[in-house]
C-alpha cells in the first residue's frame, strides 16, 4: 500500500461527504485531474499552495484503492506526483485530519506514512 494525501478546505470536504462525491478544487478542474502528494511531498505542497490558509483538512488515502485512474506523473522538479483522473468517492478516504497552523504560521502535520 502507498499512502497519498490531499489538502482540502474543510467546507469543500464537508460538501463532498454530503453529496457522496469530491470533484476537486478549482486548480484540479483547471488541470483536468485531482492533485495528490506522497508523504515525502505533502509538506512542500502545503508550503507552496496553502501557506497561511486555515480551516484545512488532510485526507489520507490508500493509492491502490483508486485503480488505474490514478497516474504518477512528472510535476514539480520532475518528481512523480499522483494525479486522479475522475471523481473521488469520499468512502475511499482512510482518514481525515485537521491541518492547523502552528504558532510559526506553518501547518502542523500529523505523523505521515511514506
PDB file of N, CA and C in Angstrom:
ATOM      1  N   UNK A   1       0.844  -1.190   0.000  1.00  0.00           N
ATOM      2  CA  UNK A   1       0.000   0.000   0.000  1.00  0.00           C
ATOM      3  C   UNK A   1       0.881   1.243   0.000  1.00  0.00           C
ATOM      4  N   UNK A   2       0.537   2.199  -0.829  1.00  0.00           N
ATOM      5  CA  UNK A   2       1.187   3.501  -0.836  1.00  0.00           C
ATOM      6  C   UNK A   2       0.153   4.536  -0.417  1.00  0.00           C
ATOM      7  N   UNK A   3       0.440   5.260   0.650  1.00  0.00           N
ATOM      8  CA  UNK A   3      -0.475   6.293   1.124  1.00  0.00           C
ATOM      9  C   UNK A   3      -0.219   7.576   0.349  1.00  0.00           C
ATOM     10  N   UNK A   4      -1.297   8.208  -0.093  1.00  0.00           N
ATOM     11  CA  UNK A   4      -1.219   9.523  -0.734  1.00  0.00           C
ATOM     12  C   UNK A   4      -2.114  10.477   0.040  1.00  0.00           C
ATOM     13  N   UNK A   5      -1.881  11.775  -0.181  1.00  0.00           N
ATOM     14  CA  UNK A   5      -2.541  12.814   0.613  1.00  0.00           C
ATOM     15  C   UNK A   5      -3.135  13.893  -0.278  1.00  0.00           C
ATOM     16  N   UNK A   6      -4.196  14.499   0.227  1.00  0.00           N
ATOM     17  CA  UNK A   6      -4.839  15.642  -0.413  1.00  0.00           C
ATOM     18  C   UNK A   6      -5.135  16.663   0.670  1.00  0.00           C
ATOM     19  N   UNK A   7      -4.754  17.907   0.443  1.00  0.00           N
ATOM     20  CA  UNK A   7      -5.133  19.006   1.323  1.00  0.00           C
ATOM     21  C   UNK A   7      -6.407  19.615   0.758  1.00  0.00           C
ATOM     22  N   UNK A   8      -7.392  19.780   1.618  1.00  0.00           N
ATOM     23  CA  UNK A   8      -8.700  20.229   1.148  1.00  0.00           C
ATOM     24  C   UNK A   8      -9.303  21.215   2.148  1.00  0.00           C
ATOM     25  N   UNK A   9      -9.850  22.335   1.661  1.00  0.00           N
ATOM     26  CA  UNK A   9     -10.587  23.214   2.568  1.00  0.00           C
ATOM     27  C   UNK A   9     -11.764  22.445   3.194  1.00  0.00           C
ATOM     28  N   UNK A  10     -11.948  22.609   4.491  1.00  0.00           N
ATOM     29  CA  UNK A  10     -12.991  21.866   5.208  1.00  0.00           C
ATOM     30  C   UNK A  10     -14.372  22.005   4.564  1.00  0.00           C
ATOM     31  N   UNK A  11     -14.811  23.207   4.142  1.00  0.00           N
ATOM     32  CA  UNK A  11     -16.149  23.295   3.540  1.00  0.00           C
ATOM     33  C   UNK A  11     -16.301  22.445   2.272  1.00  0.00           C
ATOM     34  N   UNK A  12     -15.241  22.351   1.467  1.00  0.00           N
ATOM     35  CA  UNK A  12     -15.301  21.513   0.252  1.00  0.00           C
ATOM     36  C   UNK A  12     -15.461  20.046   0.629  1.00  0.00           C
ATOM     37  N   UNK A  13     -14.722  19.613   1.649  1.00  0.00           N
ATOM     38  CA  UNK A  13     -14.802  18.205   2.026  1.00  0.00           C
ATOM     39  C   UNK A  13     -16.146  17.871   2.668  1.00  0.00           C
ATOM     40  N   UNK A  14     -16.664  18.767   3.479  1.00  0.00           N
ATOM     41  CA  UNK A  14     -17.986  18.559   4.085  1.00  0.00           C
ATOM     42  C   UNK A  14     -19.046  18.420   2.989  1.00  0.00           C
ATOM     43  N   UNK A  15     -18.952  19.259   1.958  1.00  0.00           N
ATOM     44  CA  UNK A  15     -19.885  19.173   0.824  1.00  0.00           C
ATOM     45  C   UNK A  15     -19.728  17.842   0.092  1.00  0.00           C
ATOM     46  N   UNK A  16     -18.487  17.387  -0.077  1.00  0.00           N
ATOM     47  CA  UNK A  16     -18.238  16.112  -0.759  1.00  0.00           C
ATOM     48  C   UNK A  16     -18.835  14.950   0.029  1.00  0.00           C
ATOM     49  N   UNK A  17     -18.686  14.986   1.334  1.00  0.00           N
ATOM     50  CA  UNK A  17     -19.272  13.918   2.155  1.00  0.00           C
ATOM     51  C   UNK A  17     -20.800  13.932   2.074  1.00  0.00           C
ATOM     52  N   UNK A  18     -21.365  15.123   2.001  1.00  0.00           N
ATOM     53  CA  UNK A  18     -22.821  15.256   1.926  1.00  0.00           C
ATOM     54  C   UNK A  18     -23.362  14.744   0.581  1.00  0.00           C
ATOM     55  N   UNK A  19     -22.646  15.064  -0.513  1.00  0.00           N
ATOM     56  CA  UNK A  19     -23.114  14.672  -1.847  1.00  0.00           C
ATOM     57  C   UNK A  19     -22.613  13.300  -2.286  1.00  0.00           C
ATOM     58  N   UNK A  20     -21.586  12.794  -1.601  1.00  0.00           N
ATOM     59  CA  UNK A  20     -21.048  11.491  -1.952  1.00  0.00           C
ATOM     60  C   UNK A  20     -20.028  11.514  -3.074  1.00  0.00           C
ATOM     61  N   UNK A  21     -19.522  12.719  -3.413  1.00  0.00           N
ATOM     62  CA  UNK A  21     -18.512  12.812  -4.470  1.00  0.00           C
ATOM     63  C   UNK A  21     -17.650  14.055  -4.266  1.00  0.00           C
ATOM     64  N   UNK A  22     -16.344  13.881  -4.491  1.00  0.00           N
ATOM     65  CA  UNK A  22     -15.417  15.011  -4.475  1.00  0.00           C
ATOM     66  C   UNK A  22     -14.890  15.168  -5.888  1.00  0.00           C
ATOM     67  N   UNK A  23     -15.170  16.317  -6.472  1.00  0.00           N
ATOM     68  CA  UNK A  23     -14.777  16.568  -7.857  1.00  0.00           C
ATOM     69  C   UNK A  23     -13.513  17.406  -7.965  1.00  0.00           C
ATOM     70  N   UNK A  24     -12.956  17.789  -6.824  1.00  0.00           N
ATOM     71  CA  UNK A  24     -11.705  18.536  -6.833  1.00  0.00           C
ATOM     72  C   UNK A  24     -11.897  20.017  -6.632  1.00  0.00           C
ATOM     73  N   UNK A  25     -10.753  20.685  -6.493  1.00  0.00           N
ATOM     74  CA  UNK A  25     -10.712  22.133  -6.284  1.00  0.00           C
ATOM     75  C   UNK A  25     -10.703  22.850  -7.635  1.00  0.00           C
ATOM     76  N   UNK A  26     -10.699  24.168  -7.598  1.00  0.00           N
ATOM     77  CA  UNK A  26     -10.606  24.943  -8.837  1.00  0.00           C
ATOM     78  C   UNK A  26      -9.327  24.599  -9.604  1.00  0.00           C
ATOM     79  N   UNK A  27      -8.233  24.434  -8.887  1.00  0.00           N
ATOM     80  CA  UNK A  27      -6.958  24.072  -9.540  1.00  0.00           C
ATOM     81  C   UNK A  27      -7.068  22.687 -10.176  1.00  0.00           C
ATOM     82  N   UNK A  28      -7.699  21.758  -9.479  1.00  0.00           N
ATOM     83  CA  UNK A  28      -7.892  20.419 -10.033  1.00  0.00           C
ATOM     84  C   UNK A  28      -8.716  20.495 -11.320  1.00  0.00           C
ATOM     85  N   UNK A  29      -9.781  21.270 -11.304  1.00  0.00           N
ATOM     86  CA  UNK A  29     -10.633  21.414 -12.502  1.00  0.00           C
ATOM     87  C   UNK A  29      -9.827  22.002 -13.651  1.00  0.00           C
ATOM     88  N   UNK A  30      -9.035  23.013 -13.353  1.00  0.00           N
ATOM     89  CA  UNK A  30      -8.213  23.653 -14.398  1.00  0.00           C
ATOM     90  C   UNK A  30      -7.254  22.657 -15.030  1.00  0.00           C
ATOM     91  N   UNK A  31      -6.647  21.815 -14.206  1.00  0.00           N
ATOM     92  CA  UNK A  31      -5.625  20.891 -14.700  1.00  0.00           C
ATOM     93  C   UNK A  31      -6.192  19.581 -15.240  1.00  0.00           C
ATOM     94  N   UNK A  32      -7.451  19.298 -14.961  1.00  0.00           N
ATOM     95  CA  UNK A  32      -8.087  18.107 -15.512  1.00  0.00           C
ATOM     96  C   UNK A  32      -7.899  16.835 -14.697  1.00  0.00           C
ATOM     97  N   UNK A  33      -7.422  16.969 -13.475  1.00  0.00           N
ATOM     98  CA  UNK A  33      -7.249  15.827 -12.579  1.00  0.00           C
ATOM     99  C   UNK A  33      -7.189  16.341 -11.153  1.00  0.00           C
ATOM    100  N   UNK A  34      -7.367  15.427 -10.183  1.00  0.00           N
ATOM    101  CA  UNK A  34      -7.273  15.789  -8.776  1.00  0.00           C
ATOM    102  C   UNK A  34      -5.841  15.567  -8.327  1.00  0.00           C
ATOM    103  N   UNK A  35      -5.240  16.622  -7.800  1.00  0.00           N
ATOM    104  CA  UNK A  35      -3.852  16.584  -7.329  1.00  0.00           C
ATOM    105  C   UNK A  35      -3.747  15.895  -5.980  1.00  0.00           C
ATOM    106  N   UNK A  36      -2.767  15.023  -5.838  1.00  0.00           N
ATOM    107  CA  UNK A  36      -2.406  14.408  -4.568  1.00  0.00           C
ATOM    108  C   UNK A  36      -0.903  14.548  -4.393  1.00  0.00           C
ATOM    109  N   UNK A  37      -0.418  14.211  -3.217  1.00  0.00           N
ATOM    110  CA  UNK A  37       1.015  14.209  -2.923  1.00  0.00           C
ATOM    111  C   UNK A  37       1.353  12.963  -2.122  1.00  0.00           C
ATOM    112  N   UNK A  38       2.600  12.546  -2.214  1.00  0.00           N
ATOM    113  CA  UNK A  38       3.086  11.461  -1.361  1.00  0.00           C
ATOM    114  C   UNK A  38       3.420  12.042   0.008  1.00  0.00           C
ATOM    115  N   UNK A  39       3.741  11.177   0.952  1.00  0.00           N
ATOM    116  CA  UNK A  39       4.153  11.633   2.279  1.00  0.00           C
ATOM    117  C   UNK A  39       5.396  12.500   2.227  1.00  0.00           C
ATOM    118  N   UNK A  40       6.291  12.201   1.302  1.00  0.00           N
ATOM    119  CA  UNK A  40       7.524  12.980   1.167  1.00  0.00           C
ATOM    120  C   UNK A  40       7.278  14.337   0.516  1.00  0.00           C
ATOM    121  N   UNK A  41       6.143  14.507  -0.142  1.00  0.00           N
ATOM    122  CA  UNK A  41       5.858  15.727  -0.906  1.00  0.00           C
ATOM    123  C   UNK A  41       4.863  16.662  -0.240  1.00  0.00           C
ATOM    124  N   UNK A  42       4.044  16.160   0.685  1.00  0.00           N
ATOM    125  CA  UNK A  42       2.878  16.913   1.153  1.00  0.00           C
ATOM    126  C   UNK A  42       3.223  18.178   1.927  1.00  0.00           C
ATOM    127  N   UNK A  43       4.305  18.171   2.689  1.00  0.00           N
ATOM    128  CA  UNK A  43       4.660  19.381   3.449  1.00  0.00           C
ATOM    129  C   UNK A  43       5.058  20.497   2.488  1.00  0.00           C
ATOM    130  N   UNK A  44       5.836  20.184   1.481  1.00  0.00           N
ATOM    131  CA  UNK A  44       6.202  21.196   0.477  1.00  0.00           C
ATOM    132  C   UNK A  44       4.967  21.673  -0.286  1.00  0.00           C
ATOM    133  N   UNK A  45       4.046  20.763  -0.575  1.00  0.00           N
ATOM    134  CA  UNK A  45       2.792  21.152  -1.232  1.00  0.00           C
ATOM    135  C   UNK A  45       2.042  22.169  -0.376  1.00  0.00           C
ATOM    136  N   UNK A  46       1.963  21.912   0.924  1.00  0.00           N
ATOM    137  CA  UNK A  46       1.273  22.836   1.829  1.00  0.00           C
ATOM    138  C   UNK A  46       1.945  24.204   1.822  1.00  0.00           C
ATOM    139  N   UNK A  47       3.270  24.211   1.885  1.00  0.00           N
ATOM    140  CA  UNK A  47       4.004  25.478   1.911  1.00  0.00           C
ATOM    141  C   UNK A  47       3.850  26.247   0.607  1.00  0.00           C
ATOM    142  N   UNK A  48       3.829  25.543  -0.506  1.00  0.00           N
ATOM    143  CA  UNK A  48       3.767  26.189  -1.822  1.00  0.00           C
ATOM    144  C   UNK A  48       2.357  26.656  -2.183  1.00  0.00           C
ATOM    145  N   UNK A  49       1.346  25.840  -1.867  1.00  0.00           N
ATOM    146  CA  UNK A  49      -0.007  26.124  -2.359  1.00  0.00           C
ATOM    147  C   UNK A  49      -1.024  26.521  -1.286  1.00  0.00           C
ATOM    148  N   UNK A  50      -0.689  26.324   0.002  1.00  0.00           N
ATOM    149  CA  UNK A  50      -1.673  26.570   1.060  1.00  0.00           C
ATOM    150  C   UNK A  50      -1.111  27.414   2.200  1.00  0.00           C
ATOM    151  N   UNK A  51      -0.015  28.110   1.973  1.00  0.00           N
ATOM    152  CA  UNK A  51       0.651  28.884   3.025  1.00  0.00           C
ATOM    153  C   UNK A  51      -0.335  29.833   3.715  1.00  0.00           C
ATOM    154  N   UNK A  52      -0.374  29.750   5.042  1.00  0.00           N
ATOM    155  CA  UNK A  52      -1.186  30.657   5.843  1.00  0.00           C
ATOM    156  C   UNK A  52      -2.674  30.374   5.843  1.00  0.00           C
ATOM    157  N   UNK A  53      -3.131  29.387   5.079  1.00  0.00           N
ATOM    158  CA  UNK A  53      -4.570  29.113   4.997  1.00  0.00           C
ATOM    159  C   UNK A  53      -5.034  28.325   6.225  1.00  0.00           C
ATOM    160  N   UNK A  54      -6.218  28.680   6.691  1.00  0.00           N
ATOM    161  CA  UNK A  54      -6.814  27.996   7.834  1.00  0.00           C
ATOM    162  C   UNK A  54      -7.982  27.133   7.366  1.00  0.00           C
ATOM    163  N   UNK A  55      -8.523  26.350   8.278  1.00  0.00           N
ATOM    164  CA  UNK A  55      -9.694  25.514   8.021  1.00  0.00           C
ATOM    165  C   UNK A  55      -9.435  24.489   6.914  1.00  0.00           C
ATOM    166  N   UNK A  56      -8.241  23.882   6.983  1.00  0.00           N
ATOM    167  CA  UNK A  56      -7.873  22.852   6.009  1.00  0.00           C
ATOM    168  C   UNK A  56      -7.926  21.468   6.658  1.00  0.00           C
ATOM    169  N   UNK A  57      -8.147  20.475   5.811  1.00  0.00           N
ATOM    170  CA  UNK A  57      -8.127  19.083   6.239  1.00  0.00           C
ATOM    171  C   UNK A  57      -7.091  18.325   5.429  1.00  0.00           C
ATOM    172  N   UNK A  58      -6.526  17.303   6.036  1.00  0.00           N
ATOM    173  CA  UNK A  58      -5.597  16.416   5.357  1.00  0.00           C
ATOM    174  C   UNK A  58      -6.304  15.091   5.131  1.00  0.00           C
ATOM    175  N   UNK A  59      -6.475  14.722   3.863  1.00  0.00           N
ATOM    176  CA  UNK A  59      -7.109  13.460   3.501  1.00  0.00           C
ATOM    177  C   UNK A  59      -6.009  12.428   3.265  1.00  0.00           C
ATOM    178  N   UNK A  60      -6.191  11.253   3.804  1.00  0.00           N
ATOM    179  CA  UNK A  60      -5.206  10.164   3.688  1.00  0.00           C
ATOM    180  C   UNK A  60      -5.885   9.018   2.936  1.00  0.00           C
ATOM    181  N   UNK A  61      -5.263   8.582   1.845  1.00  0.00           N
ATOM    182  CA  UNK A  61      -5.858   7.537   1.012  1.00  0.00           C
ATOM    183  C   UNK A  61      -4.847   6.435   0.714  1.00  0.00           C
ATOM    184  N   UNK A  62      -5.357   5.230   0.501  1.00  0.00           N
ATOM    185  CA  UNK A  62      -4.569   4.111   0.008  1.00  0.00           C
ATOM    186  C   UNK A  62      -4.626   4.198  -1.514  1.00  0.00           C
ATOM    187  N   UNK A  63      -3.491   4.481  -2.146  1.00  0.00           N
ATOM    188  CA  UNK A  63      -3.475   4.700  -3.590  1.00  0.00           C
ATOM    189  C   UNK A  63      -3.954   3.481  -4.377  1.00  0.00           C
ATOM    190  N   UNK A  64      -3.784   2.288  -3.837  1.00  0.00           N
ATOM    191  CA  UNK A  64      -4.184   1.091  -4.581  1.00  0.00           C
ATOM    192  C   UNK A  64      -5.699   0.996  -4.725  1.00  0.00           C
ATOM    193  N   UNK A  65      -6.446   1.707  -3.888  1.00  0.00           N
ATOM    194  CA  UNK A  65      -7.910   1.668  -3.956  1.00  0.00           C
ATOM    195  C   UNK A  65      -8.476   2.514  -5.101  1.00  0.00           C
ATOM    196  N   UNK A  66      -7.610   3.313  -5.754  1.00  0.00           N
ATOM    197  CA  UNK A  66      -8.087   4.226  -6.800  1.00  0.00           C
ATOM    198  C   UNK A  66      -7.962   3.646  -8.201  1.00  0.00           C
ATOM    199  N   UNK A  67      -7.348   2.476  -8.304  1.00  0.00           N
ATOM    200  CA  UNK A  67      -7.288   1.787  -9.592  1.00  0.00           C
ATOM    201  C   UNK A  67      -6.457   2.506 -10.637  1.00  0.00           C
ATOM    202  N   UNK A  68      -6.791   2.233 -11.892  1.00  0.00           N
ATOM    203  CA  UNK A  68      -5.985   2.766 -12.995  1.00  0.00           C
ATOM    204  C   UNK A  68      -6.307   4.217 -13.336  1.00  0.00           C
ATOM    205  N   UNK A  69      -7.234   4.827 -12.596  1.00  0.00           N
ATOM    206  CA  UNK A  69      -7.491   6.264 -12.787  1.00  0.00           C
ATOM    207  C   UNK A  69      -6.418   7.119 -12.126  1.00  0.00           C
ATOM    208  N   UNK A  70      -5.594   6.492 -11.255  1.00  0.00           N
ATOM    209  CA  UNK A  70      -4.504   7.202 -10.592  1.00  0.00           C
ATOM    210  C   UNK A  70      -3.229   7.023 -11.407  1.00  0.00           C
ATOM    211  N   UNK A  71      -2.634   8.131 -11.800  1.00  0.00           N
ATOM    212  CA  UNK A  71      -1.401   8.129 -12.585  1.00  0.00           C
ATOM    213  C   UNK A  71      -0.329   8.898 -11.830  1.00  0.00           C
ATOM    214  N   UNK A  72       0.894   8.357 -11.820  1.00  0.00           N
ATOM    215  CA  UNK A  72       2.035   9.058 -11.233  1.00  0.00           C
ATOM    216  C   UNK A  72       2.742   9.768 -12.377  1.00  0.00           C
ATOM    217  N   UNK A  73       2.708  11.102 -12.345  1.00  0.00           N
ATOM    218  CA  UNK A  73       3.213  11.891 -13.468  1.00  0.00           C
ATOM    219  C   UNK A  73       4.205  12.949 -12.997  1.00  0.00           C
ATOM    220  N   UNK A  74       5.155  13.300 -13.872  1.00  0.00           N
ATOM    221  CA  UNK A  74       6.139  14.334 -13.511  1.00  0.00           C
ATOM    222  C   UNK A  74       5.458  15.667 -13.244  1.00  0.00           C
ATOM    223  N   UNK A  75       5.935  16.329 -12.206  1.00  0.00           N
ATOM    224  CA  UNK A  75       5.423  17.656 -11.860  1.00  0.00           C
ATOM    225  C   UNK A  75       6.578  18.461 -11.305  1.00  0.00           C
ATOM    226  N   UNK A  76       6.382  19.064 -10.145  1.00  0.00           N
ATOM    227  CA  UNK A  76       7.363  19.947  -9.520  1.00  0.00           C
ATOM    228  C   UNK A  76       8.760  19.328  -9.527  1.00  0.00           C
ATOM    229  N   UNK A  77       9.693  19.958 -10.217  1.00  0.00           N
ATOM    230  CA  UNK A  77      11.077  19.494 -10.235  1.00  0.00           C
ATOM    231  C   UNK A  77      11.255  18.141 -10.895  1.00  0.00           C
ATOM    232  N   UNK A  78      10.280  17.689 -11.668  1.00  0.00           N
ATOM    233  CA  UNK A  78      10.367  16.396 -12.329  1.00  0.00           C
ATOM    234  C   UNK A  78       9.957  15.220 -11.453  1.00  0.00           C
ATOM    235  N   UNK A  79       9.626  15.483 -10.185  1.00  0.00           N
ATOM    236  CA  UNK A  79       9.195  14.406  -9.287  1.00  0.00           C
ATOM    237  C   UNK A  79       7.841  13.861  -9.746  1.00  0.00           C
ATOM    238  N   UNK A  80       7.623  12.582  -9.510  1.00  0.00           N
ATOM    239  CA  UNK A  80       6.348  11.963  -9.863  1.00  0.00           C
ATOM    240  C   UNK A  80       5.322  12.232  -8.769  1.00  0.00           C
ATOM    241  N   UNK A  81       4.188  12.793  -9.176  1.00  0.00           N
ATOM    242  CA  UNK A  81       3.090  13.096  -8.260  1.00  0.00           C
ATOM    243  C   UNK A  81       1.865  12.286  -8.672  1.00  0.00           C
ATOM    244  N   UNK A  82       1.055  11.857  -7.690  1.00  0.00           N
ATOM    245  CA  UNK A  82      -0.174  11.124  -8.010  1.00  0.00           C
ATOM    246  C   UNK A  82      -1.286  12.070  -8.448  1.00  0.00           C
ATOM    247  N   UNK A  83      -1.892  11.741  -9.585  1.00  0.00           N
ATOM    248  CA  UNK A  83      -2.991  12.519 -10.156  1.00  0.00           C
ATOM    249  C   UNK A  83      -4.153  11.571 -10.421  1.00  0.00           C
ATOM    250  N   UNK A  84      -5.336  11.925  -9.931  1.00  0.00           N
ATOM    251  CA  UNK A  84      -6.527  11.107 -10.132  1.00  0.00           C
ATOM    252  C   UNK A  84      -7.366  11.698 -11.256  1.00  0.00           C
ATOM    253  N   UNK A  85      -7.580  10.906 -12.287  1.00  0.00           N
ATOM    254  CA  UNK A  85      -8.419  11.308 -13.412  1.00  0.00           C
ATOM    255  C   UNK A  85      -9.826  10.798 -13.168  1.00  0.00           C
ATOM    256  N   UNK A  86     -10.675  11.688 -12.693  1.00  0.00           N
ATOM    257  CA  UNK A  86     -12.049  11.348 -12.350  1.00  0.00           C
ATOM    258  C   UNK A  86     -12.367  11.817 -10.950  1.00  0.00           C
ATOM    259  N   UNK A  87     -13.587  11.583 -10.556  1.00  0.00           N
ATOM    260  CA  UNK A  87     -14.061  11.996  -9.236  1.00  0.00           C
ATOM    261  C   UNK A  87     -13.533  11.066  -8.149  1.00  0.00           C
ATOM    262  N   UNK A  88     -13.520  11.574  -6.935  1.00  0.00           N
ATOM    263  CA  UNK A  88     -13.104  10.803  -5.782  1.00  0.00           C
ATOM    264  C   UNK A  88     -14.331  10.472  -4.931  1.00  0.00           C
ATOM    265  N   UNK A  89     -14.518   9.196  -4.649  1.00  0.00           N
ATOM    266  CA  UNK A  89     -15.574   8.753  -3.746  1.00  0.00           C
ATOM    267  C   UNK A  89     -15.059   8.969  -2.321  1.00  0.00           C
ATOM    268  N   UNK A  90     -15.733   9.774  -1.512  1.00  0.00           N
ATOM    269  CA  UNK A  90     -15.267  10.001  -0.144  1.00  0.00           C
ATOM    270  C   UNK A  90     -15.057   8.720   0.661  1.00  0.00           C
ATOM    271  N   UNK A  91     -15.748   7.652   0.306  1.00  0.00           N
ATOM    272  CA  UNK A  91     -15.574   6.378   1.016  1.00  0.00           C
ATOM    273  C   UNK A  91     -14.171   5.805   0.810  1.00  0.00           C
ATOM    274  N   UNK A  92     -13.450   6.262  -0.213  1.00  0.00           N
ATOM    275  CA  UNK A  92     -12.091   5.778  -0.483  1.00  0.00           C
ATOM    276  C   UNK A  92     -11.061   6.397   0.460  1.00  0.00           C
ATOM    277  N   UNK A  93     -11.457   7.415   1.208  1.00  0.00           N
ATOM    278  CA  UNK A  93     -10.535   8.112   2.104  1.00  0.00           C
ATOM    279  C   UNK A  93     -10.432   7.338   3.419  1.00  0.00           C
ATOM    280  N   UNK A  94      -9.205   7.005   3.803  1.00  0.00           N
ATOM    281  CA  UNK A  94      -8.973   6.232   5.026  1.00  0.00           C
ATOM    282  C   UNK A  94      -9.127   7.079   6.279  1.00  0.00           C
ATOM    283  N   UNK A  95      -8.662   8.324   6.197  1.00  0.00           N
ATOM    284  CA  UNK A  95      -8.670   9.179   7.386  1.00  0.00           C
ATOM    285  C   UNK A  95      -8.719  10.638   6.949  1.00  0.00           C
ATOM    286  N   UNK A  96      -9.426  11.445   7.716  1.00  0.00           N
ATOM    287  CA  UNK A  96      -9.495  12.897   7.520  1.00  0.00           C
ATOM    288  C   UNK A  96      -9.041  13.529   8.832  1.00  0.00           C
ATOM    289  N   UNK A  97      -8.031  14.401   8.747  1.00  0.00           N
ATOM    290  CA  UNK A  97      -7.457  15.014   9.940  1.00  0.00           C
ATOM    291  C   UNK A  97      -7.364  16.526   9.764  1.00  0.00           C
ATOM    292  N   UNK A  98      -7.525  17.283  10.832  1.00  0.00           N
ATOM    293  CA  UNK A  98      -7.342  18.737  10.727  1.00  0.00           C
ATOM    294  C   UNK A  98      -5.889  19.060  10.407  1.00  0.00           C
ATOM    295  N   UNK A  99      -5.691  20.160   9.713  1.00  0.00           N
ATOM    296  CA  UNK A  99      -4.348  20.630   9.365  1.00  0.00           C
ATOM    297  C   UNK A  99      -4.214  22.071   9.860  1.00  0.00           C
ATOM    298  N   UNK A 100      -4.022  22.222  11.168  1.00  0.00           N
ATOM    299  CA  UNK A 100      -3.987  23.567  11.757  1.00  0.00           C
ATOM    300  C   UNK A 100      -2.671  24.284  11.478  1.00  0.00           C
ATOM    301  N   UNK A 101      -2.714  25.593  11.678  1.00  0.00           N
ATOM    302  CA  UNK A 101      -1.494  26.395  11.620  1.00  0.00           C
ATOM    303  C   UNK A 101      -0.853  26.417  13.002  1.00  0.00           C
ATOM    304  N   UNK A 102       0.455  26.293  13.015  1.00  0.00           N
ATOM    305  CA  UNK A 102       1.194  26.408  14.261  1.00  0.00           C
ATOM    306  C   UNK A 102       1.516  27.849  14.567  1.00  0.00           C
ATOM    307  N   UNK A 103       2.138  28.123  15.707  1.00  0.00           N
ATOM    308  CA  UNK A 103       2.484  29.488  16.093  1.00  0.00           C
ATOM    309  C   UNK A 103       3.429  30.167  15.095  1.00  0.00           C
ATOM    310  N   UNK A 104       4.181  29.353  14.354  1.00  0.00           N
ATOM    311  CA  UNK A 104       5.111  29.912  13.362  1.00  0.00           C
ATOM    312  C   UNK A 104       4.437  30.180  12.017  1.00  0.00           C
ATOM    313  N   UNK A 105       3.119  29.900  11.912  1.00  0.00           N
ATOM    314  CA  UNK A 105       2.393  30.154  10.669  1.00  0.00           C
ATOM    315  C   UNK A 105       2.472  29.016   9.665  1.00  0.00           C
ATOM    316  N   UNK A 106       3.163  27.936  10.025  1.00  0.00           N
ATOM    317  CA  UNK A 106       3.252  26.766   9.142  1.00  0.00           C
ATOM    318  C   UNK A 106       2.261  25.709   9.626  1.00  0.00           C
ATOM    319  N   UNK A 107       1.804  24.875   8.708  1.00  0.00           N
ATOM    320  CA  UNK A 107       0.844  23.837   9.071  1.00  0.00           C
ATOM    321  C   UNK A 107       1.502  22.764   9.930  1.00  0.00           C
ATOM    322  N   UNK A 108       0.728  22.287  10.880  1.00  0.00           N
ATOM    323  CA  UNK A 108       1.204  21.240  11.793  1.00  0.00           C
ATOM    324  C   UNK A 108       0.627  19.920  11.312  1.00  0.00           C
ATOM    325  N   UNK A 109       1.507  19.042  10.834  1.00  0.00           N
ATOM    326  CA  UNK A 109       1.102  17.767  10.262  1.00  0.00           C
ATOM    327  C   UNK A 109       1.096  16.660  11.313  1.00  0.00           C
ATOM    328  N   UNK A 110       0.164  15.724  11.173  1.00  0.00           N
ATOM    329  CA  UNK A 110       0.232  14.508  11.984  1.00  0.00           C
ATOM    330  C   UNK A 110       1.397  13.653  11.455  1.00  0.00           C
ATOM    331  N   UNK A 111       1.658  12.552  12.112  1.00  0.00           N
ATOM    332  CA  UNK A 111       2.672  11.618  11.609  1.00  0.00           C
ATOM    333  C   UNK A 111       2.190  11.099  10.258  1.00  0.00           C
ATOM    334  N   UNK A 112       3.062  11.153   9.263  1.00  0.00           N
ATOM    335  CA  UNK A 112       2.721  10.754   7.899  1.00  0.00           C
ATOM    336  C   UNK A 112       3.250   9.375   7.574  1.00  0.00           C
ATOM    337  N   UNK A 113       2.521   8.665   6.730  1.00  0.00           N
ATOM    338  CA  UNK A 113       3.015   7.403   6.164  1.00  0.00           C
ATOM    339  C   UNK A 113       3.842   7.775   4.933  1.00  0.00           C
ATOM    340  N   UNK A 114       4.893   7.045   4.688  1.00  0.00           N
ATOM    341  CA  UNK A 114       5.692   7.328   3.476  1.00  0.00           C
ATOM    342  C   UNK A 114       5.152   6.603   2.278  1.00  0.00           C
TER     343      UNK A 114
END
